[in-house]
Full PDB file with SEQRES, HELIX, SHEET, SSBOND, CRYST1, ORIGX, SCALE, CONECT and MASTER records, all heavy atoms in Angstrom:
SEQRES   1 A   41  MET GLY ARG ASN GLU ILE SER ARG GLU MET GLY ILE THR          
SEQRES   2 A   41  ASN SER VAL ILE SER ARG THR ALA ALA HIS ILE GLY LEU          
SEQRES   3 A   41  SER PHE ASP ARG SER LYS ILE ARG ALA ALA MET ASP ALA          
SEQRES   4 A   41  ARG LYS                                                      
HELIX    1 AA1 ARG A    3  MET A   10  1                                   8    
HELIX    2 AA2 ASN A   14  HIS A   23  1                                  10    
HELIX    3 AA3 SER A   31  ARG A   40  1                                  10    
CRYST1    1.000    1.000    1.000  90.00  90.00  90.00 P 1           1          
ORIGX1      1.000000  0.000000  0.000000        0.00000                         
ORIGX2      0.000000  1.000000  0.000000        0.00000                         
ORIGX3      0.000000  0.000000  1.000000        0.00000                         
SCALE1      1.000000  0.000000  0.000000        0.00000                         
SCALE2      0.000000  1.000000  0.000000        0.00000                         
SCALE3      0.000000  0.000000  1.000000        0.00000                         
ATOM      1  N   MET A   1       0.840  -1.200   0.000  1.00  0.00           N  
ATOM      2  CA  MET A   1       0.000   0.000   0.000  1.00  0.00           C  
ATOM      3  C   MET A   1       0.873   1.247   0.000  1.00  0.00           C  
ATOM      4  O   MET A   1       1.937   1.280   0.612  1.00  0.00           O  
ATOM      5  CB  MET A   1      -0.922   0.001   1.230  1.00  0.00           C  
ATOM      6  CG  MET A   1      -1.990  -1.089   1.173  1.00  0.00           C  
ATOM      7  SD  MET A   1      -3.019  -1.168   2.661  1.00  0.00           S  
ATOM      8  CE  MET A   1      -3.957   0.323   2.517  1.00  0.00           C  
ATOM      9  N   GLY A   2       0.406   2.257  -0.666  1.00  0.00           N  
ATOM     10  CA  GLY A   2       1.113   3.525  -0.713  1.00  0.00           C  
ATOM     11  C   GLY A   2       0.816   4.373   0.506  1.00  0.00           C  
ATOM     12  O   GLY A   2      -0.074   4.057   1.312  1.00  0.00           O  
ATOM     13  N   ARG A   3       1.534   5.431   0.632  1.00  0.00           N  
ATOM     14  CA  ARG A   3       1.381   6.326   1.775  1.00  0.00           C  
ATOM     15  C   ARG A   3      -0.045   6.834   1.935  1.00  0.00           C  
ATOM     16  O   ARG A   3      -0.610   6.827   3.025  1.00  0.00           O  
ATOM     17  CB  ARG A   3       2.341   7.506   1.652  1.00  0.00           C  
ATOM     18  CG  ARG A   3       2.266   8.427   2.869  1.00  0.00           C  
ATOM     19  CD  ARG A   3       2.846   9.760   2.606  1.00  0.00           C  
ATOM     20  NE  ARG A   3       2.033  10.399   1.569  1.00  0.00           N  
ATOM     21  CZ  ARG A   3       2.269  11.601   1.094  1.00  0.00           C  
ATOM     22  NH1 ARG A   3       3.292  12.291   1.509  1.00  0.00           N  
ATOM     23  NH2 ARG A   3       1.494  12.125   0.166  1.00  0.00           N  
ATOM     24  N   ASN A   4      -0.659   7.291   0.823  1.00  0.00           N  
ATOM     25  CA  ASN A   4      -2.011   7.841   0.905  1.00  0.00           C  
ATOM     26  C   ASN A   4      -3.024   6.771   1.319  1.00  0.00           C  
ATOM     27  O   ASN A   4      -3.932   7.045   2.109  1.00  0.00           O  
ATOM     28  CB  ASN A   4      -2.423   8.477  -0.417  1.00  0.00           C  
ATOM     29  CG  ASN A   4      -1.606   9.701  -0.740  1.00  0.00           C  
ATOM     30  OD1 ASN A   4      -0.918  10.255   0.115  1.00  0.00           O  
ATOM     31  ND2 ASN A   4      -1.663  10.140  -1.984  1.00  0.00           N  
ATOM     32  N   GLU A   5      -2.859   5.564   0.780  1.00  0.00           N  
ATOM     33  CA  GLU A   5      -3.757   4.462   1.153  1.00  0.00           C  
ATOM     34  C   GLU A   5      -3.631   4.141   2.641  1.00  0.00           C  
ATOM     35  O   GLU A   5      -4.633   3.951   3.338  1.00  0.00           O  
ATOM     36  CB  GLU A   5      -3.412   3.199   0.360  1.00  0.00           C  
ATOM     37  CG  GLU A   5      -4.022   3.102  -1.006  1.00  0.00           C  
ATOM     38  CD  GLU A   5      -3.660   1.758  -1.634  1.00  0.00           C  
ATOM     39  OE1 GLU A   5      -2.464   1.550  -1.927  1.00  0.00           O  
ATOM     40  OE2 GLU A   5      -4.584   0.938  -1.814  1.00  0.00           O  
ATOM     41  N   ILE A   6      -2.393   4.060   3.118  1.00  0.00           N  
ATOM     42  CA  ILE A   6      -2.163   3.763   4.535  1.00  0.00           C  
ATOM     43  C   ILE A   6      -2.758   4.879   5.397  1.00  0.00           C  
ATOM     44  O   ILE A   6      -3.390   4.611   6.426  1.00  0.00           O  
ATOM     45  CB  ILE A   6      -0.655   3.577   4.819  1.00  0.00           C  
ATOM     46  CG1 ILE A   6      -0.139   2.319   4.109  1.00  0.00           C  
ATOM     47  CG2 ILE A   6      -0.383   3.515   6.317  1.00  0.00           C  
ATOM     48  CD1 ILE A   6       1.370   2.137   4.168  1.00  0.00           C  
ATOM     49  N   SER A   7      -2.579   6.102   4.964  1.00  0.00           N  
ATOM     50  CA  SER A   7      -3.123   7.242   5.697  1.00  0.00           C  
ATOM     51  C   SER A   7      -4.638   7.119   5.848  1.00  0.00           C  
ATOM     52  O   SER A   7      -5.181   7.309   6.940  1.00  0.00           O  
ATOM     53  CB  SER A   7      -2.757   8.540   4.975  1.00  0.00           C  
ATOM     54  OG  SER A   7      -3.385   9.639   5.571  1.00  0.00           O  
ATOM     55  N   ARG A   8      -5.307   6.796   4.744  1.00  0.00           N  
ATOM     56  CA  ARG A   8      -6.768   6.627   4.801  1.00  0.00           C  
ATOM     57  C   ARG A   8      -7.152   5.448   5.685  1.00  0.00           C  
ATOM     58  O   ARG A   8      -8.082   5.535   6.488  1.00  0.00           O  
ATOM     59  CB  ARG A   8      -7.332   6.451   3.388  1.00  0.00           C  
ATOM     60  CG  ARG A   8      -7.421   7.742   2.600  1.00  0.00           C  
ATOM     61  CD  ARG A   8      -8.197   7.557   1.295  1.00  0.00           C  
ATOM     62  NE  ARG A   8      -7.529   6.670   0.351  1.00  0.00           N  
ATOM     63  CZ  ARG A   8      -6.597   7.046  -0.518  1.00  0.00           C  
ATOM     64  NH1 ARG A   8      -6.227   8.306  -0.568  1.00  0.00           N  
ATOM     65  NH2 ARG A   8      -6.051   6.176  -1.348  1.00  0.00           N  
ATOM     66  N   GLU A   9      -6.442   4.333   5.524  1.00  0.00           N  
ATOM     67  CA  GLU A   9      -6.743   3.111   6.282  1.00  0.00           C  
ATOM     68  C   GLU A   9      -6.588   3.327   7.791  1.00  0.00           C  
ATOM     69  O   GLU A   9      -7.409   2.874   8.584  1.00  0.00           O  
ATOM     70  CB  GLU A   9      -5.833   1.974   5.808  1.00  0.00           C  
ATOM     71  CG  GLU A   9      -5.997   0.678   6.550  1.00  0.00           C  
ATOM     72  CD  GLU A   9      -7.264  -0.075   6.184  1.00  0.00           C  
ATOM     73  OE1 GLU A   9      -7.808   0.149   5.084  1.00  0.00           O  
ATOM     74  OE2 GLU A   9      -7.718  -0.875   7.015  1.00  0.00           O  
ATOM     75  N   MET A  10      -5.526   4.034   8.164  1.00  0.00           N  
ATOM     76  CA  MET A  10      -5.240   4.197   9.592  1.00  0.00           C  
ATOM     77  C   MET A  10      -5.872   5.464  10.181  1.00  0.00           C  
ATOM     78  O   MET A  10      -5.855   5.642  11.399  1.00  0.00           O  
ATOM     79  CB  MET A  10      -3.721   4.210   9.822  1.00  0.00           C  
ATOM     80  CG  MET A  10      -3.058   2.883   9.486  1.00  0.00           C  
ATOM     81  SD  MET A  10      -1.288   2.851   9.836  1.00  0.00           S  
ATOM     82  CE  MET A  10      -1.275   2.886  11.624  1.00  0.00           C  
ATOM     83  N   GLY A  11      -6.360   6.349   9.310  1.00  0.00           N  
ATOM     84  CA  GLY A  11      -6.951   7.592   9.807  1.00  0.00           C  
ATOM     85  C   GLY A  11      -5.916   8.552  10.358  1.00  0.00           C  
ATOM     86  O   GLY A  11      -6.189   9.297  11.303  1.00  0.00           O  
ATOM     87  N   ILE A  12      -4.741   8.535   9.755  1.00  0.00           N  
ATOM     88  CA  ILE A  12      -3.625   9.378  10.199  1.00  0.00           C  
ATOM     89  C   ILE A  12      -3.166  10.209   9.004  1.00  0.00           C  
ATOM     90  O   ILE A  12      -3.147   9.728   7.878  1.00  0.00           O  
ATOM     91  CB  ILE A  12      -2.462   8.508  10.739  1.00  0.00           C  
ATOM     92  CG1 ILE A  12      -2.951   7.688  11.945  1.00  0.00           C  
ATOM     93  CG2 ILE A  12      -1.259   9.355  11.109  1.00  0.00           C  
ATOM     94  CD1 ILE A  12      -1.947   6.677  12.444  1.00  0.00           C  
ATOM     95  N   THR A  13      -2.763  11.439   9.242  1.00  0.00           N  
ATOM     96  CA  THR A  13      -2.379  12.323   8.136  1.00  0.00           C  
ATOM     97  C   THR A  13      -1.175  11.775   7.371  1.00  0.00           C  
ATOM     98  O   THR A  13      -0.345  11.035   7.928  1.00  0.00           O  
ATOM     99  CB  THR A  13      -2.032  13.742   8.646  1.00  0.00           C  
ATOM    100  OG1 THR A  13      -0.878  13.666   9.474  1.00  0.00           O  
ATOM    101  CG2 THR A  13      -3.195  14.357   9.406  1.00  0.00           C  
ATOM    102  N   ASN A  14      -1.090  12.186   6.093  1.00  0.00           N  
ATOM    103  CA  ASN A  14       0.006  11.753   5.218  1.00  0.00           C  
ATOM    104  C   ASN A  14       1.367  12.106   5.808  1.00  0.00           C  
ATOM    105  O   ASN A  14       2.308  11.314   5.745  1.00  0.00           O  
ATOM    106  CB  ASN A  14      -0.118  12.421   3.838  1.00  0.00           C  
ATOM    107  CG  ASN A  14      -1.310  11.945   3.060  1.00  0.00           C  
ATOM    108  OD1 ASN A  14      -1.919  10.936   3.387  1.00  0.00           O  
ATOM    109  ND2 ASN A  14      -1.657  12.676   2.016  1.00  0.00           N  
ATOM    110  N   SER A  15       1.475  13.311   6.342  1.00  0.00           N  
ATOM    111  CA  SER A  15       2.784  13.754   6.849  1.00  0.00           C  
ATOM    112  C   SER A  15       3.243  12.894   8.029  1.00  0.00           C  
ATOM    113  O   SER A  15       4.436  12.568   8.136  1.00  0.00           O  
ATOM    114  CB  SER A  15       2.742  15.231   7.240  1.00  0.00           C  
ATOM    115  OG  SER A  15       1.773  15.451   8.252  1.00  0.00           O  
ATOM    116  N   VAL A  16       2.318  12.500   8.900  1.00  0.00           N  
ATOM    117  CA  VAL A  16       2.681  11.640  10.036  1.00  0.00           C  
ATOM    118  C   VAL A  16       3.102  10.263   9.533  1.00  0.00           C  
ATOM    119  O   VAL A  16       4.097   9.685  10.006  1.00  0.00           O  
ATOM    120  CB  VAL A  16       1.511  11.540  11.049  1.00  0.00           C  
ATOM    121  CG1 VAL A  16       1.796  10.478  12.114  1.00  0.00           C  
ATOM    122  CG2 VAL A  16       1.270  12.890  11.702  1.00  0.00           C  
ATOM    123  N   ILE A  17       2.382   9.734   8.557  1.00  0.00           N  
ATOM    124  CA  ILE A  17       2.753   8.433   7.972  1.00  0.00           C  
ATOM    125  C   ILE A  17       4.155   8.526   7.377  1.00  0.00           C  
ATOM    126  O   ILE A  17       5.006   7.651   7.606  1.00  0.00           O  
ATOM    127  CB  ILE A  17       1.731   7.979   6.908  1.00  0.00           C  
ATOM    128  CG1 ILE A  17       0.350   7.737   7.529  1.00  0.00           C  
ATOM    129  CG2 ILE A  17       2.225   6.754   6.157  1.00  0.00           C  
ATOM    130  CD1 ILE A  17       0.282   6.577   8.502  1.00  0.00           C  
ATOM    131  N   SER A  18       4.432   9.588   6.633  1.00  0.00           N  
ATOM    132  CA  SER A  18       5.751   9.746   5.997  1.00  0.00           C  
ATOM    133  C   SER A  18       6.862   9.831   7.038  1.00  0.00           C  
ATOM    134  O   SER A  18       7.899   9.163   6.912  1.00  0.00           O  
ATOM    135  CB  SER A  18       5.777  11.006   5.130  1.00  0.00           C  
ATOM    136  OG  SER A  18       4.933  10.853   4.032  1.00  0.00           O  
ATOM    137  N   ARG A  19       6.681  10.680   8.028  1.00  0.00           N  
ATOM    138  CA  ARG A  19       7.722  10.848   9.067  1.00  0.00           C  
ATOM    139  C   ARG A  19       7.950   9.540   9.833  1.00  0.00           C  
ATOM    140  O   ARG A  19       9.098   9.151  10.082  1.00  0.00           O  
ATOM    141  CB  ARG A  19       7.332  11.968  10.034  1.00  0.00           C  
ATOM    142  CG  ARG A  19       7.588  13.353   9.503  1.00  0.00           C  
ATOM    143  CD  ARG A  19       7.535  14.416  10.596  1.00  0.00           C  
ATOM    144  NE  ARG A  19       6.332  14.349  11.428  1.00  0.00           N  
ATOM    145  CZ  ARG A  19       5.196  15.003  11.183  1.00  0.00           C  
ATOM    146  NH1 ARG A  19       5.131  15.799  10.132  1.00  0.00           N  
ATOM    147  NH2 ARG A  19       4.171  14.890  11.995  1.00  0.00           N  
ATOM    148  N   THR A  20       6.867   8.865  10.215  1.00  0.00           N  
ATOM    149  CA  THR A  20       6.996   7.624  10.978  1.00  0.00           C  
ATOM    150  C   THR A  20       7.659   6.545  10.126  1.00  0.00           C  
ATOM    151  O   THR A  20       8.546   5.815  10.606  1.00  0.00           O  
ATOM    152  CB  THR A  20       5.625   7.141  11.482  1.00  0.00           C  
ATOM    153  OG1 THR A  20       5.017   8.186  12.234  1.00  0.00           O  
ATOM    154  CG2 THR A  20       5.761   5.908  12.359  1.00  0.00           C  
ATOM    155  N   ALA A  21       7.250   6.424   8.874  1.00  0.00           N  
ATOM    156  CA  ALA A  21       7.850   5.431   7.979  1.00  0.00           C  
ATOM    157  C   ALA A  21       9.343   5.679   7.846  1.00  0.00           C  
ATOM    158  O   ALA A  21      10.150   4.737   7.933  1.00  0.00           O  
ATOM    159  CB  ALA A  21       7.170   5.469   6.618  1.00  0.00           C  
ATOM    160  N   ALA A  22       9.739   6.908   7.661  1.00  0.00           N  
ATOM    161  CA  ALA A  22      11.166   7.229   7.549  1.00  0.00           C  
ATOM    162  C   ALA A  22      11.887   6.895   8.856  1.00  0.00           C  
ATOM    163  O   ALA A  22      13.007   6.350   8.840  1.00  0.00           O  
ATOM    164  CB  ALA A  22      11.352   8.699   7.205  1.00  0.00           C  
ATOM    165  N   HIS A  23      11.257   7.177   9.975  1.00  0.00           N  
ATOM    166  CA  HIS A  23      11.853   6.933  11.290  1.00  0.00           C  
ATOM    167  C   HIS A  23      12.090   5.437  11.531  1.00  0.00           C  
ATOM    168  O   HIS A  23      13.107   5.053  12.122  1.00  0.00           O  
ATOM    169  CB  HIS A  23      10.950   7.517  12.384  1.00  0.00           C  
ATOM    170  CG  HIS A  23      11.451   7.282  13.762  1.00  0.00           C  
ATOM    171  ND1 HIS A  23      12.559   7.938  14.278  1.00  0.00           N  
ATOM    172  CD2 HIS A  23      11.025   6.436  14.746  1.00  0.00           C  
ATOM    173  CE1 HIS A  23      12.780   7.522  15.508  1.00  0.00           C  
ATOM    174  NE2 HIS A  23      11.848   6.605  15.826  1.00  0.00           N  
ATOM    175  N   ILE A  24      11.164   4.601  11.060  1.00  0.00           N  
ATOM    176  CA  ILE A  24      11.315   3.150  11.295  1.00  0.00           C  
ATOM    177  C   ILE A  24      11.937   2.422  10.100  1.00  0.00           C  
ATOM    178  O   ILE A  24      11.954   1.197  10.050  1.00  0.00           O  
ATOM    179  CB  ILE A  24       9.983   2.497  11.721  1.00  0.00           C  
ATOM    180  CG1 ILE A  24       8.918   2.615  10.635  1.00  0.00           C  
ATOM    181  CG2 ILE A  24       9.480   3.077  13.031  1.00  0.00           C  
ATOM    182  CD1 ILE A  24       7.604   1.890  10.951  1.00  0.00           C  
ATOM    183  N   GLY A  25      12.439   3.199   9.121  1.00  0.00           N  
ATOM    184  CA  GLY A  25      13.208   2.614   8.025  1.00  0.00           C  
ATOM    185  C   GLY A  25      12.385   2.105   6.849  1.00  0.00           C  
ATOM    186  O   GLY A  25      12.870   1.274   6.077  1.00  0.00           O  
ATOM    187  N   LEU A  26      11.185   2.592   6.701  1.00  0.00           N  
ATOM    188  CA  LEU A  26      10.357   2.201   5.557  1.00  0.00           C  
ATOM    189  C   LEU A  26      10.392   3.313   4.511  1.00  0.00           C  
ATOM    190  O   LEU A  26      10.457   4.495   4.844  1.00  0.00           O  
ATOM    191  CB  LEU A  26       8.907   1.966   5.990  1.00  0.00           C  
ATOM    192  CG  LEU A  26       8.655   0.903   7.051  1.00  0.00           C  
ATOM    193  CD1 LEU A  26       7.177   0.868   7.418  1.00  0.00           C  
ATOM    194  CD2 LEU A  26       9.113  -0.461   6.561  1.00  0.00           C  
ATOM    195  N   SER A  27      10.323   2.925   3.256  1.00  0.00           N  
ATOM    196  CA  SER A  27      10.231   3.929   2.187  1.00  0.00           C  
ATOM    197  C   SER A  27       9.131   3.495   1.230  1.00  0.00           C  
ATOM    198  O   SER A  27       8.765   2.324   1.182  1.00  0.00           O  
ATOM    199  CB  SER A  27      11.568   4.081   1.446  1.00  0.00           C  
ATOM    200  OG  SER A  27      11.899   2.867   0.820  1.00  0.00           O  
ATOM    201  N   PHE A  28       8.631   4.442   0.491  1.00  0.00           N  
ATOM    202  CA  PHE A  28       7.535   4.171  -0.441  1.00  0.00           C  
ATOM    203  C   PHE A  28       8.055   4.232  -1.869  1.00  0.00           C  
ATOM    204  O   PHE A  28       8.851   5.100  -2.208  1.00  0.00           O  
ATOM    205  CB  PHE A  28       6.393   5.177  -0.246  1.00  0.00           C  
ATOM    206  CG  PHE A  28       5.723   5.040   1.086  1.00  0.00           C  
ATOM    207  CD1 PHE A  28       6.025   5.898   2.129  1.00  0.00           C  
ATOM    208  CD2 PHE A  28       4.791   4.037   1.310  1.00  0.00           C  
ATOM    209  CE1 PHE A  28       5.411   5.765   3.358  1.00  0.00           C  
ATOM    210  CE2 PHE A  28       4.171   3.895   2.536  1.00  0.00           C  
ATOM    211  CZ  PHE A  28       4.483   4.762   3.575  1.00  0.00           C  
ATOM    212  N   ASP A  29       7.583   3.301  -2.690  1.00  0.00           N  
ATOM    213  CA  ASP A  29       7.956   3.247  -4.105  1.00  0.00           C  
ATOM    214  C   ASP A  29       7.237   4.380  -4.831  1.00  0.00           C  
ATOM    215  O   ASP A  29       6.010   4.396  -4.900  1.00  0.00           O  
ATOM    216  CB  ASP A  29       7.559   1.892  -4.693  1.00  0.00           C  
ATOM    217  CG  ASP A  29       7.882   1.776  -6.174  1.00  0.00           C  
ATOM    218  OD1 ASP A  29       8.665   2.616  -6.687  1.00  0.00           O  
ATOM    219  OD2 ASP A  29       7.364   0.842  -6.808  1.00  0.00           O  
ATOM    220  N   ARG A  30       7.980   5.309  -5.331  1.00  0.00           N  
ATOM    221  CA  ARG A  30       7.381   6.456  -6.006  1.00  0.00           C  
ATOM    222  C   ARG A  30       7.324   6.282  -7.525  1.00  0.00           C  
ATOM    223  O   ARG A  30       6.902   7.174  -8.235  1.00  0.00           O  
ATOM    224  CB  ARG A  30       8.136   7.732  -5.653  1.00  0.00           C  
ATOM    225  CG  ARG A  30       8.084   7.990  -4.151  1.00  0.00           C  
ATOM    226  CD  ARG A  30       8.540   9.368  -3.815  1.00  0.00           C  
ATOM    227  NE  ARG A  30       8.606   9.514  -2.378  1.00  0.00           N  
ATOM    228  CZ  ARG A  30       7.731  10.196  -1.681  1.00  0.00           C  
ATOM    229  NH1 ARG A  30       6.737  10.781  -2.274  1.00  0.00           N  
ATOM    230  NH2 ARG A  30       7.859  10.302  -0.382  1.00  0.00           N  
ATOM    231  N   SER A  31       7.725   5.126  -8.009  1.00  0.00           N  
ATOM    232  CA  SER A  31       7.714   4.911  -9.463  1.00  0.00           C  
ATOM    233  C   SER A  31       6.291   4.954 -10.010  1.00  0.00           C  
ATOM    234  O   SER A  31       6.064   5.422 -11.129  1.00  0.00           O  
ATOM    235  CB  SER A  31       8.392   3.589  -9.825  1.00  0.00           C  
ATOM    236  OG  SER A  31       7.691   2.491  -9.268  1.00  0.00           O  
ATOM    237  N   LYS A  32       5.315   4.481  -9.224  1.00  0.00           N  
ATOM    238  CA  LYS A  32       3.926   4.530  -9.676  1.00  0.00           C  
ATOM    239  C   LYS A  32       3.446   5.977  -9.776  1.00  0.00           C  
ATOM    240  O   LYS A  32       2.718   6.335 -10.697  1.00  0.00           O  
ATOM    241  CB  LYS A  32       3.023   3.742  -8.730  1.00  0.00           C  
ATOM    242  CG  LYS A  32       3.255   2.249  -8.768  1.00  0.00           C  
ATOM    243  CD  LYS A  32       2.357   1.532  -7.777  1.00  0.00           C  
ATOM    244  CE  LYS A  32       2.677   0.047  -7.721  1.00  0.00           C  
ATOM    245  NZ  LYS A  32       1.911  -0.628  -6.679  1.00  0.00           N  
ATOM    246  N   ILE A  33       3.876   6.788  -8.814  1.00  0.00           N  
ATOM    247  CA  ILE A  33       3.496   8.207  -8.840  1.00  0.00           C  
ATOM    248  C   ILE A  33       4.103   8.874 -10.069  1.00  0.00           C  
ATOM    249  O   ILE A  33       3.436   9.619 -10.777  1.00  0.00           O  
ATOM    250  CB  ILE A  33       3.953   8.918  -7.549  1.00  0.00           C  
ATOM    251  CG1 ILE A  33       3.189   8.347  -6.350  1.00  0.00           C  
ATOM    252  CG2 ILE A  33       3.759  10.424  -7.644  1.00  0.00           C  
ATOM    253  CD1 ILE A  33       3.730   8.783  -5.005  1.00  0.00           C  
ATOM    254  N   ARG A  34       5.378   8.584 -10.329  1.00  0.00           N  
ATOM    255  CA  ARG A  34       6.069   9.163 -11.493  1.00  0.00           C  
ATOM    256  C   ARG A  34       5.368   8.724 -12.779  1.00  0.00           C  
ATOM    257  O   ARG A  34       5.140   9.534 -13.677  1.00  0.00           O  
ATOM    258  CB  ARG A  34       7.537   8.732 -11.491  1.00  0.00           C  
ATOM    259  CG  ARG A  34       8.334   9.059 -12.748  1.00  0.00           C  
ATOM    260  CD  ARG A  34       8.346  10.494 -13.172  1.00  0.00           C  
ATOM    261  NE  ARG A  34       8.920  11.370 -12.190  1.00  0.00           N  
ATOM    262  CZ  ARG A  34       8.790  12.685 -12.242  1.00  0.00           C  
ATOM    263  NH1 ARG A  34       8.122  13.256 -13.214  1.00  0.00           N  
ATOM    264  NH2 ARG A  34       9.322  13.445 -11.327  1.00  0.00           N  
ATOM    265  N   ALA A  35       5.013   7.449 -12.863  1.00  0.00           N  
ATOM    266  CA  ALA A  35       4.339   6.938 -14.061  1.00  0.00           C  
ATOM    267  C   ALA A  35       2.980   7.623 -14.243  1.00  0.00           C  
ATOM    268  O   ALA A  35       2.610   7.991 -15.365  1.00  0.00           O  
ATOM    269  CB  ALA A  35       4.163   5.427 -13.964  1.00  0.00           C  
ATOM    270  N   ALA A  36       2.250   7.825 -13.148  1.00  0.00           N  
ATOM    271  CA  ALA A  36       0.943   8.497 -13.230  1.00  0.00           C  
ATOM    272  C   ALA A  36       1.120   9.949 -13.668  1.00  0.00           C  
ATOM    273  O   ALA A  36       0.345  10.456 -14.487  1.00  0.00           O  
ATOM    274  CB  ALA A  36       0.228   8.427 -11.888  1.00  0.00           C  
ATOM    275  N   MET A  37       2.141  10.622 -13.141  1.00  0.00           N  
ATOM    276  CA  MET A  37       2.399  12.011 -13.535  1.00  0.00           C  
ATOM    277  C   MET A  37       2.779  12.090 -15.015  1.00  0.00           C  
ATOM    278  O   MET A  37       2.317  12.984 -15.730  1.00  0.00           O  
ATOM    279  CB  MET A  37       3.505  12.613 -12.663  1.00  0.00           C  
ATOM    280  CG  MET A  37       3.044  12.911 -11.250  1.00  0.00           C  
ATOM    281  SD  MET A  37       4.370  13.466 -10.138  1.00  0.00           S  
ATOM    282  CE  MET A  37       5.154  14.761 -11.050  1.00  0.00           C  
ATOM    283  N   ASP A  38       3.603  11.153 -15.459  1.00  0.00           N  
ATOM    284  CA  ASP A  38       3.997  11.131 -16.873  1.00  0.00           C  
ATOM    285  C   ASP A  38       2.784  10.890 -17.775  1.00  0.00           C  
ATOM    286  O   ASP A  38       2.655  11.512 -18.832  1.00  0.00           O  
ATOM    287  CB  ASP A  38       5.063  10.052 -17.121  1.00  0.00           C  
ATOM    288  CG  ASP A  38       6.415  10.395 -16.509  1.00  0.00           C  
ATOM    289  OD1 ASP A  38       6.622  11.578 -16.140  1.00  0.00           O  
ATOM    290  OD2 ASP A  38       7.256   9.481 -16.383  1.00  0.00           O  
ATOM    291  N   ALA A  39       1.901  10.002 -17.339  1.00  0.00           N  
ATOM    292  CA  ALA A  39       0.697   9.722 -18.129  1.00  0.00           C  
ATOM    293  C   ALA A  39      -0.199  10.957 -18.191  1.00  0.00           C  
ATOM    294  O   ALA A  39      -0.739  11.288 -19.257  1.00  0.00           O  
ATOM    295  CB  ALA A  39      -0.063   8.543 -17.524  1.00  0.00           C  
ATOM    296  N   ARG A  40      -0.366  11.647 -17.075  1.00  0.00           N  
ATOM    297  CA  ARG A  40      -1.184  12.880 -17.067  1.00  0.00           C  
ATOM    298  C   ARG A  40      -0.574  13.936 -17.972  1.00  0.00           C  
ATOM    299  O   ARG A  40      -1.278  14.630 -18.700  1.00  0.00           O  
ATOM    300  CB  ARG A  40      -1.339  13.413 -15.645  1.00  0.00           C  
ATOM    301  CG  ARG A  40      -2.433  12.713 -14.865  1.00  0.00           C  
ATOM    302  CD  ARG A  40      -2.767  13.463 -13.590  1.00  0.00           C  
ATOM    303  NE  ARG A  40      -1.671  13.442 -12.648  1.00  0.00           N  
ATOM    304  CZ  ARG A  40      -1.546  12.592 -11.641  1.00  0.00           C  
ATOM    305  NH1 ARG A  40      -2.468  11.688 -11.435  1.00  0.00           N  
ATOM    306  NH2 ARG A  40      -0.509  12.641 -10.839  1.00  0.00           N  
ATOM    307  N   LYS A  41       0.750  14.065 -17.920  1.00  0.00           N  
ATOM    308  CA  LYS A  41       1.413  15.054 -18.778  1.00  0.00           C  
ATOM    309  C   LYS A  41       1.219  14.707 -20.251  1.00  0.00           C  
ATOM    310  O   LYS A  41       0.948  15.589 -21.066  1.00  0.00           O  
ATOM    311  CB  LYS A  41       2.899  15.153 -18.455  1.00  0.00           C  
ATOM    312  CG  LYS A  41       3.586  16.241 -19.294  1.00  0.00           C  
ATOM    313  CD  LYS A  41       5.017  16.424 -18.936  1.00  0.00           C  
ATOM    314  CE  LYS A  41       5.724  17.484 -19.735  1.00  0.00           C  
ATOM    315  NZ  LYS A  41       5.212  17.838 -21.023  1.00  0.00           N  
TER     316      LYS A  41                                                      
MASTER        0    0    0    3    0    0    0    6  315    1    0    4          
END                                                                             
């Protein structure tokens, strides 16, 4: 699951999910975001 999905699932803001994930050594795959942005462009 991506950051936004986890945020919705847990009811916690995106920024808190991002900071906590970084703190505990998790990162999110942004290739899907890049691909979506490229498709929109």
